[in-house]
């Protein structure tokens, strides 16, 4: 019985660590996307202005 309990706790711990890593990576990706998007919008606006001229 103790072996089963140990395995269940180990699986839960591994699952929680995996979810933490996945969510942390998603958060970092979103943070860097937010930094990149304004630069892309500025480039697109300047390109549109050059085309209009």
Protein backbone atom coordinates (compact mmCIF):
# COMPACT_ATOMS: atom_id res chain seq x y z
CA UNK A 1 0.00 0.00 0.00
CA UNK A 2 2.83 2.41 0.82
CA UNK A 3 4.41 1.75 -2.58
CA UNK A 4 1.20 2.72 -4.36
CA UNK A 5 0.93 5.90 -2.31
CA UNK A 6 4.56 6.80 -3.05
CA UNK A 7 3.99 6.32 -6.77
CA UNK A 8 0.82 8.45 -6.73
CA UNK A 9 2.57 11.27 -4.87
CA UNK A 10 5.57 11.10 -7.22
CA UNK A 11 3.30 11.25 -10.29
CA UNK A 12 1.42 14.24 -8.84
CA UNK A 13 4.70 16.02 -8.10
CA UNK A 14 6.03 15.41 -11.61
CA UNK A 15 2.73 16.61 -13.09
CA UNK A 16 2.78 19.81 -11.02
CA UNK A 17 6.39 20.56 -11.99
CA UNK A 18 5.58 19.95 -15.67
CA UNK A 19 2.56 22.27 -15.53
CA UNK A 20 4.65 24.96 -13.81
CA UNK A 21 7.32 24.76 -16.52
CA UNK A 22 4.74 24.82 -19.33
CA UNK A 23 2.90 27.83 -17.88
CA UNK A 24 6.13 29.67 -17.13
CA UNK A 25 7.31 29.18 -20.72
CA UNK A 26 3.93 30.36 -22.05
CA UNK A 27 4.16 33.46 -19.85
CA UNK A 28 7.66 34.25 -21.10
CA UNK A 29 6.64 33.75 -24.74
CA UNK A 30 3.68 36.12 -24.26
CA UNK A 31 5.95 38.70 -22.63
CA UNK A 32 8.39 38.67 -25.54
CA UNK A 33 5.56 38.71 -28.10
CA UNK A 34 4.27 41.90 -26.46
CA UNK A 35 7.73 43.45 -26.88
CA UNK A 36 8.01 42.39 -30.52
CA UNK A 37 4.49 43.31 -31.69
CA UNK A 38 4.81 47.11 -31.28
CA UNK A 39 8.01 47.05 -33.34
CA UNK A 40 6.25 45.05 -36.06
CA UNK A 41 3.32 47.48 -36.05
CA UNK A 42 5.70 50.43 -36.41
CA UNK A 43 7.41 48.74 -39.36
CA UNK A 44 4.06 47.99 -40.98
CA UNK A 45 2.88 51.58 -40.52
CA UNK A 46 6.07 52.99 -41.99
CA UNK A 47 5.80 50.61 -44.94
CA UNK A 48 2.20 51.67 -45.55
CA UNK A 49 3.20 55.33 -45.38
CA UNK A 50 5.98 54.75 -47.91
CA UNK A 51 3.56 52.99 -50.26
CA UNK A 52 1.02 55.81 -49.96
CA UNK A 53 3.61 58.43 -50.90
